[in-house]
Amino acid sequence: MKLSAIVLSKGEESTQKAIDSVQFADEVILVVDPSATLKVQTAKKVTLVKHELAGDFSQQRNFGSTLASGAWLLFLDSDEIVTKELAEEISKTISDDHAKTAYYIKRHDYFWSKEIKYGETAKARSIGFIRLLKKNSGTWKGTVHEQFITNEPTGILKGIVNHYPHPTISDFLNSINEYSTLRAKELRNNNVRFSLIKMIVYPFGKFIYTYFVRGGILDGAAGFVYSFMMSLHSFLVRAKLLNL
């Protein structure tokens, strides 16, 4: 069965590595925001398409789906890398006549060159996200924390994707600022209004939950910074609601 890999990029330097990791696919579609300055060496099987992100990651993924010619689609972000073991498993899975319609792929997150195993990333590590699926089997929904919605049977692959989202603190802060704005707009569009109590309580609750309950403390200094940053994200989302 033909496999189309769809990579989303905003011009990150890591895009090249993401593209290289999916060269086992029959075609690679690189969807890039027009405002991005991107320098990559694209192989013949790579098609670069510029399409405005407009703060909506679901529409970007759904758009990429329309460009794919494969019966199977693999979605990847520009800061993610498909491991060799996962590539082999995907090739085997899509060749199976009894394969399910969509598959969750587990993700290992790295911060300060350290794998973050607990806290905010624990769910991604243990369950993952649907990233491999048959074309036209569902749709992506959600502006920021997008999810693939399908009524068809799903499975979980054993292989993993490695994720390198925040190479520096400055990059982390820039990302939090951007994503908190998008999330605040999403909440506003869903008729969620500003609440002083939530602005105070949510960030503290987020930190306690990810750092202590979900075990972020076990990741050492990196785990503390990661939990603190995500709590800051929670604060900014609620604070920005006030001015929207």
C-alpha atoms as a PDB file:
ATOM      1  CA  MET A   1       0.000   0.000   0.000  1.00  0.00           C
ATOM      2  CA  LYS A   2       1.260   3.482  -0.845  1.00  0.00           C
ATOM      3  CA  LEU A   3       2.283   5.677   2.098  1.00  0.00           C
ATOM      4  CA  SER A   4       2.229   9.488   2.089  1.00  0.00           C
ATOM      5  CA  ALA A   5       4.137  11.278   4.861  1.00  0.00           C
ATOM      6  CA  ILE A   6       2.830  14.762   5.660  1.00  0.00           C
ATOM      7  CA  VAL A   7       5.252  17.031   7.534  1.00  0.00           C
ATOM      8  CA  LEU A   8       4.117  20.375   8.954  1.00  0.00           C
ATOM      9  CA  SER A   9       6.704  23.121   9.344  1.00  0.00           C
ATOM     10  CA  LYS A  10       6.898  26.776  10.318  1.00  0.00           C
ATOM     11  CA  GLY A  11      10.485  26.995   9.120  1.00  0.00           C
ATOM     12  CA  GLU A  12      12.229  25.261  12.026  1.00  0.00           C
ATOM     13  CA  GLU A  13      15.862  24.216  11.534  1.00  0.00           C
ATOM     14  CA  SER A  14      14.893  20.700  12.578  1.00  0.00           C
ATOM     15  CA  THR A  15      12.694  20.289   9.481  1.00  0.00           C
ATOM     16  CA  GLN A  16      15.472  18.634   7.491  1.00  0.00           C
ATOM     17  CA  LYS A  17      15.885  15.853  10.046  1.00  0.00           C
ATOM     18  CA  ALA A  18      12.136  15.268  10.089  1.00  0.00           C
ATOM     19  CA  ILE A  19      12.092  14.951   6.291  1.00  0.00           C
ATOM     20  CA  ASP A  20      15.069  12.613   6.320  1.00  0.00           C
ATOM     21  CA  SER A  21      13.372  10.314   8.833  1.00  0.00           C
ATOM     22  CA  VAL A  22      10.373   9.670   6.547  1.00  0.00           C
ATOM     23  CA  GLN A  23      12.248   8.898   3.341  1.00  0.00           C
ATOM     24  CA  PHE A  24      10.895   5.348   3.545  1.00  0.00           C
ATOM     25  CA  ALA A  25       7.474   6.720   2.511  1.00  0.00           C
ATOM     26  CA  ASP A  26       6.414   6.691  -1.138  1.00  0.00           C
ATOM     27  CA  GLU A  27       5.939  10.439  -1.088  1.00  0.00           C
ATOM     28  CA  VAL A  28       6.645  13.246   1.364  1.00  0.00           C
ATOM     29  CA  ILE A  29       4.483  16.358   1.458  1.00  0.00           C
ATOM     30  CA  LEU A  30       6.034  19.286   3.298  1.00  0.00           C
ATOM     31  CA  VAL A  31       3.385  21.857   4.233  1.00  0.00           C
ATOM     32  CA  VAL A  32       4.997  25.167   5.171  1.00  0.00           C
ATOM     33  CA  ASP A  33       3.548  28.451   6.339  1.00  0.00           C
ATOM     34  CA  PRO A  34       4.264  31.104   3.631  1.00  0.00           C
ATOM     35  CA  SER A  35       5.860  33.431   6.203  1.00  0.00           C
ATOM     36  CA  ALA A  36       8.538  30.871   7.023  1.00  0.00           C
ATOM     37  CA  THR A  37      12.116  31.079   5.795  1.00  0.00           C
ATOM     38  CA  LEU A  38      12.979  27.474   5.159  1.00  0.00           C
ATOM     39  CA  LYS A  39      16.254  26.006   3.927  1.00  0.00           C
ATOM     40  CA  VAL A  40      16.048  22.278   3.278  1.00  0.00           C
ATOM     41  CA  GLN A  41      17.479  19.863   0.783  1.00  0.00           C
ATOM     42  CA  THR A  42      14.439  18.127  -0.631  1.00  0.00           C
ATOM     43  CA  ALA A  43      14.700  14.782  -2.381  1.00  0.00           C
ATOM     44  CA  LYS A  44      12.738  14.088  -5.559  1.00  0.00           C
ATOM     45  CA  LYS A  45       9.922  12.467  -3.595  1.00  0.00           C
ATOM     46  CA  VAL A  46       9.397  15.597  -1.480  1.00  0.00           C
ATOM     47  CA  THR A  47       6.711  18.078  -2.510  1.00  0.00           C
ATOM     48  CA  LEU A  48       6.933  21.479  -0.802  1.00  0.00           C
ATOM     49  CA  VAL A  49       3.604  23.298  -0.529  1.00  0.00           C
ATOM     50  CA  LYS A  50       3.119  26.702   1.078  1.00  0.00           C
ATOM     51  CA  HIS A  51      -0.179  27.079   2.884  1.00  0.00           C
ATOM     52  CA  GLU A  52      -1.100  29.631   5.521  1.00  0.00           C
ATOM     53  CA  LEU A  53      -1.293  28.120   8.992  1.00  0.00           C
ATOM     54  CA  ALA A  54      -3.625  30.871  10.266  1.00  0.00           C
ATOM     55  CA  GLY A  55      -3.276  29.557  13.812  1.00  0.00           C
ATOM     56  CA  ASP A  56      -5.202  26.386  13.021  1.00  0.00           C
ATOM     57  CA  PHE A  57      -3.214  23.162  13.016  1.00  0.00           C
ATOM     58  CA  SER A  58      -6.202  20.953  12.229  1.00  0.00           C
ATOM     59  CA  GLN A  59      -6.946  22.764   8.979  1.00  0.00           C
ATOM     60  CA  GLN A  60      -3.262  22.485   8.081  1.00  0.00           C
ATOM     61  CA  ARG A  61      -3.305  18.712   8.590  1.00  0.00           C
ATOM     62  CA  ASN A  62      -6.620  18.333   6.768  1.00  0.00           C
ATOM     63  CA  PHE A  63      -5.207  20.387   3.908  1.00  0.00           C
ATOM     64  CA  GLY A  64      -2.155  18.141   3.731  1.00  0.00           C
ATOM     65  CA  SER A  65      -4.459  15.131   3.522  1.00  0.00           C
ATOM     66  CA  THR A  66      -6.050  16.472   0.351  1.00  0.00           C
ATOM     67  CA  LEU A  67      -2.644  16.601  -1.358  1.00  0.00           C
ATOM     68  CA  ALA A  68      -1.689  13.022  -0.535  1.00  0.00           C
ATOM     69  CA  SER A  69      -2.013  10.269  -3.118  1.00  0.00           C
ATOM     70  CA  GLY A  70      -1.308   7.419  -0.714  1.00  0.00           C
ATOM     71  CA  ALA A  71      -3.931   5.125   0.786  1.00  0.00           C
ATOM     72  CA  TRP A  72      -2.111   5.546   4.119  1.00  0.00           C
ATOM     73  CA  LEU A  73      -1.069   8.837   5.708  1.00  0.00           C
ATOM     74  CA  LEU A  74       1.672   9.453   8.277  1.00  0.00           C
ATOM     75  CA  PHE A  75       1.674  12.843  10.017  1.00  0.00           C
ATOM     76  CA  LEU A  76       4.822  14.352  11.493  1.00  0.00           C
ATOM     77  CA  ASP A  77       5.792  17.735  12.937  1.00  0.00           C
ATOM     78  CA  SER A  78       9.056  19.392  11.979  1.00  0.00           C
ATOM     79  CA  ASP A  79      10.576  18.816  15.440  1.00  0.00           C
ATOM     80  CA  GLU A  80       9.847  15.068  15.401  1.00  0.00           C
ATOM     81  CA  ILE A  81      11.904  12.176  14.063  1.00  0.00           C
ATOM     82  CA  VAL A  82      10.645   8.721  13.106  1.00  0.00           C
ATOM     83  CA  THR A  83      12.951   6.039  14.472  1.00  0.00           C
ATOM     84  CA  LYS A  84      14.237   3.242  12.248  1.00  0.00           C
ATOM     85  CA  GLU A  85      12.268   0.688  14.256  1.00  0.00           C
ATOM     86  CA  LEU A  86       9.032   2.643  13.804  1.00  0.00           C
ATOM     87  CA  ALA A  87       9.656   3.055  10.067  1.00  0.00           C
ATOM     88  CA  GLU A  88       9.992  -0.707   9.696  1.00  0.00           C
ATOM     89  CA  GLU A  89       6.864  -1.319  11.783  1.00  0.00           C
ATOM     90  CA  ILE A  90       4.825   1.161   9.732  1.00  0.00           C
ATOM     91  CA  SER A  91       5.879  -0.469   6.463  1.00  0.00           C
ATOM     92  CA  LYS A  92       4.876  -3.867   7.819  1.00  0.00           C
ATOM     93  CA  THR A  93       1.575  -2.608   9.271  1.00  0.00           C
ATOM     94  CA  ILE A  94       0.243  -0.979   6.099  1.00  0.00           C
ATOM     95  CA  SER A  95       1.019  -4.167   4.159  1.00  0.00           C
ATOM     96  CA  ASP A  96      -1.227  -6.212   6.458  1.00  0.00           C
ATOM     97  CA  ASP A  97      -4.683  -6.863   5.008  1.00  0.00           C
ATOM     98  CA  HIS A  98      -6.054  -7.018   8.555  1.00  0.00           C
ATOM     99  CA  ALA A  99      -4.612  -3.671   9.651  1.00  0.00           C
ATOM    100  CA  LYS A 100      -6.790  -1.332  11.667  1.00  0.00           C
ATOM    101  CA  THR A 101      -7.845   2.035  10.283  1.00  0.00           C
ATOM    102  CA  ALA A 102      -5.718   4.315  12.482  1.00  0.00           C
ATOM    103  CA  TYR A 103      -2.800   3.898  14.886  1.00  0.00           C
ATOM    104  CA  TYR A 104      -1.513   5.716  17.935  1.00  0.00           C
ATOM    105  CA  ILE A 105       2.230   6.320  17.936  1.00  0.00           C
ATOM    106  CA  LYS A 106       4.053   6.881  21.208  1.00  0.00           C
ATOM    107  CA  ARG A 107       6.359   9.876  21.514  1.00  0.00           C
ATOM    108  CA  HIS A 108       9.507  10.407  23.576  1.00  0.00           C
ATOM    109  CA  ASP A 109      10.155  14.055  24.423  1.00  0.00           C
ATOM    110  CA  TYR A 110      13.608  15.563  24.950  1.00  0.00           C
ATOM    111  CA  PHE A 111      14.513  18.792  26.745  1.00  0.00           C
ATOM    112  CA  TRP A 112      18.045  19.987  27.557  1.00  0.00           C
ATOM    113  CA  SER A 113      19.315  16.797  25.847  1.00  0.00           C
ATOM    114  CA  LYS A 114      17.419  14.774  28.457  1.00  0.00           C
ATOM    115  CA  GLU A 115      14.431  12.531  27.883  1.00  0.00           C
ATOM    116  CA  ILE A 116      11.440  13.768  29.867  1.00  0.00           C
ATOM    117  CA  LYS A 117       9.601  10.654  31.023  1.00  0.00           C
ATOM    118  CA  TYR A 118       7.048  12.024  33.448  1.00  0.00           C
ATOM    119  CA  GLY A 119       4.852  15.034  34.085  1.00  0.00           C
ATOM    120  CA  GLU A 120       3.449  16.836  31.066  1.00  0.00           C
ATOM    121  CA  THR A 121       4.815  14.289  28.584  1.00  0.00           C
ATOM    122  CA  ALA A 122       3.773  11.095  30.379  1.00  0.00           C
ATOM    123  CA  LYS A 123       0.651  10.550  28.274  1.00  0.00           C
ATOM    124  CA  ALA A 124       2.507  11.060  25.001  1.00  0.00           C
ATOM    125  CA  ARG A 125       5.055   8.489  26.135  1.00  0.00           C
ATOM    126  CA  SER A 126       2.577   5.840  27.292  1.00  0.00           C
ATOM    127  CA  ILE A 127      -0.294   6.252  24.795  1.00  0.00           C
ATOM    128  CA  GLY A 128       0.790   8.656  22.091  1.00  0.00           C
ATOM    129  CA  PHE A 129      -1.293  10.247  19.378  1.00  0.00           C
ATOM    130  CA  ILE A 130      -2.995   9.015  16.221  1.00  0.00           C
ATOM    131  CA  ARG A 131      -0.488   9.762  13.462  1.00  0.00           C
ATOM    132  CA  LEU A 132      -0.821   6.813  11.064  1.00  0.00           C
ATOM    133  CA  LEU A 133      -4.181   6.424   9.368  1.00  0.00           C
ATOM    134  CA  LYS A 134      -6.029   5.449   6.240  1.00  0.00           C
ATOM    135  CA  LYS A 135      -6.986   8.345   4.010  1.00  0.00           C
ATOM    136  CA  ASN A 136     -10.574   9.624   4.390  1.00  0.00           C
ATOM    137  CA  SER A 137     -11.110   7.666   7.602  1.00  0.00           C
ATOM    138  CA  GLY A 138     -11.813  10.713   9.770  1.00  0.00           C
ATOM    139  CA  THR A 139     -10.872  14.345  10.288  1.00  0.00           C
ATOM    140  CA  TRP A 140      -8.564  16.519  12.365  1.00  0.00           C
ATOM    141  CA  LYS A 141     -10.272  18.788  14.893  1.00  0.00           C
ATOM    142  CA  GLY A 142      -9.023  21.380  17.375  1.00  0.00           C
ATOM    143  CA  THR A 143      -7.161  24.609  16.684  1.00  0.00           C
ATOM    144  CA  VAL A 144      -4.088  23.970  18.846  1.00  0.00           C
ATOM    145  CA  HIS A 145      -4.275  20.609  20.591  1.00  0.00           C
ATOM    146  CA  GLU A 146      -5.594  18.959  17.462  1.00  0.00           C
ATOM    147  CA  GLN A 147      -6.782  15.361  17.446  1.00  0.00           C
ATOM    148  CA  PHE A 148      -7.730  12.952  14.718  1.00  0.00           C
ATOM    149  CA  ILE A 149     -11.374  11.947  15.120  1.00  0.00           C
ATOM    150  CA  THR A 150     -12.540   8.655  13.651  1.00  0.00           C
ATOM    151  CA  ASN A 151     -15.242   6.086  14.322  1.00  0.00           C
ATOM    152  CA  GLU A 152     -13.123   3.298  12.874  1.00  0.00           C
ATOM    153  CA  PRO A 153     -11.027   0.730  14.844  1.00  0.00           C
ATOM    154  CA  THR A 154      -7.680   1.993  16.139  1.00  0.00           C
ATOM    155  CA  GLY A 155      -4.495   0.349  17.372  1.00  0.00           C
ATOM    156  CA  ILE A 156      -1.169   1.280  18.997  1.00  0.00           C
ATOM    157  CA  LEU A 157       2.227   0.766  17.390  1.00  0.00           C
ATOM    158  CA  LYS A 158       5.268  -0.273  19.423  1.00  0.00           C
ATOM    159  CA  GLY A 159       7.724   2.022  17.648  1.00  0.00           C
ATOM    160  CA  ILE A 160       8.247   5.620  18.762  1.00  0.00           C
ATOM    161  CA  VAL A 161       8.718   9.130  17.467  1.00  0.00           C
ATOM    162  CA  ASN A 162      11.426  11.235  19.105  1.00  0.00           C
ATOM    163  CA  HIS A 163      10.389  14.825  19.840  1.00  0.00           C
ATOM    164  CA  TYR A 164      12.826  17.766  20.241  1.00  0.00           C
ATOM    165  CA  PRO A 165      10.510  20.769  20.755  1.00  0.00           C
ATOM    166  CA  HIS A 166      12.470  23.318  22.802  1.00  0.00           C
ATOM    167  CA  PRO A 167      16.225  23.552  22.116  1.00  0.00           C
ATOM    168  CA  THR A 168      16.607  26.660  24.339  1.00  0.00           C
ATOM    169  CA  ILE A 169      14.710  28.484  27.082  1.00  0.00           C
ATOM    170  CA  SER A 170      14.187  31.420  24.721  1.00  0.00           C
ATOM    171  CA  ASP A 171      12.643  29.090  22.159  1.00  0.00           C
ATOM    172  CA  PHE A 172      10.457  27.562  24.873  1.00  0.00           C
ATOM    173  CA  LEU A 173       9.221  31.007  25.945  1.00  0.00           C
ATOM    174  CA  ASN A 174       8.487  32.029  22.367  1.00  0.00           C
ATOM    175  CA  SER A 175       6.531  28.832  21.845  1.00  0.00           C
ATOM    176  CA  ILE A 176       4.523  29.323  25.039  1.00  0.00           C
ATOM    177  CA  ASN A 177       3.676  32.880  24.048  1.00  0.00           C
ATOM    178  CA  GLU A 178       2.510  31.807  20.589  1.00  0.00           C
ATOM    179  CA  TYR A 179       0.533  28.748  21.638  1.00  0.00           C
ATOM    180  CA  SER A 180      -1.103  30.430  24.623  1.00  0.00           C
ATOM    181  CA  THR A 181      -2.472  33.110  22.281  1.00  0.00           C
ATOM    182  CA  LEU A 182      -3.891  30.495  19.938  1.00  0.00           C
ATOM    183  CA  ARG A 183      -5.371  28.531  22.831  1.00  0.00           C
ATOM    184  CA  ALA A 184      -6.933  31.659  24.339  1.00  0.00           C
ATOM    185  CA  LYS A 185      -8.574  32.473  20.992  1.00  0.00           C
ATOM    186  CA  GLU A 186      -9.841  28.905  20.757  1.00  0.00           C
ATOM    187  CA  LEU A 187     -11.406  29.156  24.217  1.00  0.00           C
ATOM    188  CA  ARG A 188     -12.950  32.516  23.353  1.00  0.00           C
ATOM    189  CA  ASN A 189     -14.472  31.048  20.197  1.00  0.00           C
ATOM    190  CA  ASN A 190     -15.982  28.348  22.408  1.00  0.00           C
ATOM    191  CA  ASN A 191     -17.574  31.054  24.570  1.00  0.00           C
ATOM    192  CA  VAL A 192     -15.174  30.611  27.493  1.00  0.00           C
ATOM    193  CA  ARG A 193     -14.846  33.905  29.389  1.00  0.00           C
ATOM    194  CA  PHE A 194     -12.084  35.332  31.568  1.00  0.00           C
ATOM    195  CA  SER A 195     -12.120  34.231  35.193  1.00  0.00           C
ATOM    196  CA  LEU A 196      -9.786  35.691  37.828  1.00  0.00           C
ATOM    197  CA  ILE A 197     -10.173  32.604  39.981  1.00  0.00           C
ATOM    198  CA  LYS A 198      -9.214  30.298  37.098  1.00  0.00           C
ATOM    199  CA  MET A 199      -6.258  32.520  36.217  1.00  0.00           C
ATOM    200  CA  ILE A 200      -4.945  32.076  39.756  1.00  0.00           C
ATOM    201  CA  VAL A 201      -5.936  28.468  40.453  1.00  0.00           C
ATOM    202  CA  TYR A 202      -5.260  26.754  37.111  1.00  0.00           C
ATOM    203  CA  PRO A 203      -1.500  27.474  36.891  1.00  0.00           C
ATOM    204  CA  PHE A 204      -0.859  26.295  40.455  1.00  0.00           C
ATOM    205  CA  GLY A 205      -3.041  23.244  39.929  1.00  0.00           C
ATOM    206  CA  LYS A 206      -1.248  22.494  36.661  1.00  0.00           C
ATOM    207  CA  PHE A 207       2.175  22.617  38.327  1.00  0.00           C
ATOM    208  CA  ILE A 208       1.185  20.465  41.296  1.00  0.00           C
ATOM    209  CA  TYR A 209      -0.431  17.914  39.007  1.00  0.00           C
ATOM    210  CA  THR A 210       2.395  17.600  36.468  1.00  0.00           C
ATOM    211  CA  TYR A 211       5.330  17.974  38.861  1.00  0.00           C
ATOM    212  CA  PHE A 212       4.111  15.951  41.828  1.00  0.00           C
ATOM    213  CA  VAL A 213       1.133  13.795  40.824  1.00  0.00           C
ATOM    214  CA  ARG A 214       2.430  12.898  37.328  1.00  0.00           C
ATOM    215  CA  GLY A 215       6.006  12.541  38.604  1.00  0.00           C
ATOM    216  CA  GLY A 216       7.728  15.452  36.871  1.00  0.00           C
ATOM    217  CA  ILE A 217       9.937  15.723  39.958  1.00  0.00           C
ATOM    218  CA  LEU A 218      11.603  12.467  38.875  1.00  0.00           C
ATOM    219  CA  ASP A 219      13.013  14.193  35.776  1.00  0.00           C
ATOM    220  CA  GLY A 220      15.249  16.413  37.897  1.00  0.00           C
ATOM    221  CA  ALA A 221      15.939  20.051  37.037  1.00  0.00           C
ATOM    222  CA  ALA A 222      14.645  19.588  33.480  1.00  0.00           C
ATOM    223  CA  GLY A 223      11.407  18.213  34.890  1.00  0.00           C
ATOM    224  CA  PHE A 224      10.970  21.240  37.165  1.00  0.00           C
ATOM    225  CA  VAL A 225      11.565  23.723  34.338  1.00  0.00           C
ATOM    226  CA  TYR A 226       9.211  21.841  32.023  1.00  0.00           C
ATOM    227  CA  SER A 227       6.424  21.758  34.616  1.00  0.00           C
ATOM    228  CA  PHE A 228       6.959  25.440  35.459  1.00  0.00           C
ATOM    229  CA  MET A 229       6.853  26.452  31.793  1.00  0.00           C
ATOM    230  CA  MET A 230       3.612  24.585  31.142  1.00  0.00           C
ATOM    231  CA  SER A 231       2.110  26.220  34.230  1.00  0.00           C
ATOM    232  CA  LEU A 232       3.143  29.580  32.775  1.00  0.00           C
ATOM    233  CA  HIS A 233       1.372  28.576  29.572  1.00  0.00           C
ATOM    234  CA  SER A 234      -1.789  27.880  31.574  1.00  0.00           C
ATOM    235  CA  PHE A 235      -1.530  31.301  33.230  1.00  0.00           C
ATOM    236  CA  LEU A 236      -1.025  33.149  29.940  1.00  0.00           C
ATOM    237  CA  VAL A 237      -3.997  31.422  28.313  1.00  0.00           C
ATOM    238  CA  ARG A 238      -6.340  32.648  31.055  1.00  0.00           C
ATOM    239  CA  ALA A 239      -4.730  36.081  31.247  1.00  0.00           C
ATOM    240  CA  LYS A 240      -4.988  36.668  27.501  1.00  0.00           C
ATOM    241  CA  LEU A 241      -8.683  35.869  27.620  1.00  0.00           C
ATOM    242  CA  LEU A 242      -9.145  39.204  29.385  1.00  0.00           C
ATOM    243  CA  ASN A 243      -8.071  41.210  26.323  1.00  0.00           C
ATOM    244  CA  LEU A 244      -9.710  39.168  23.577  1.00  0.00           C
END
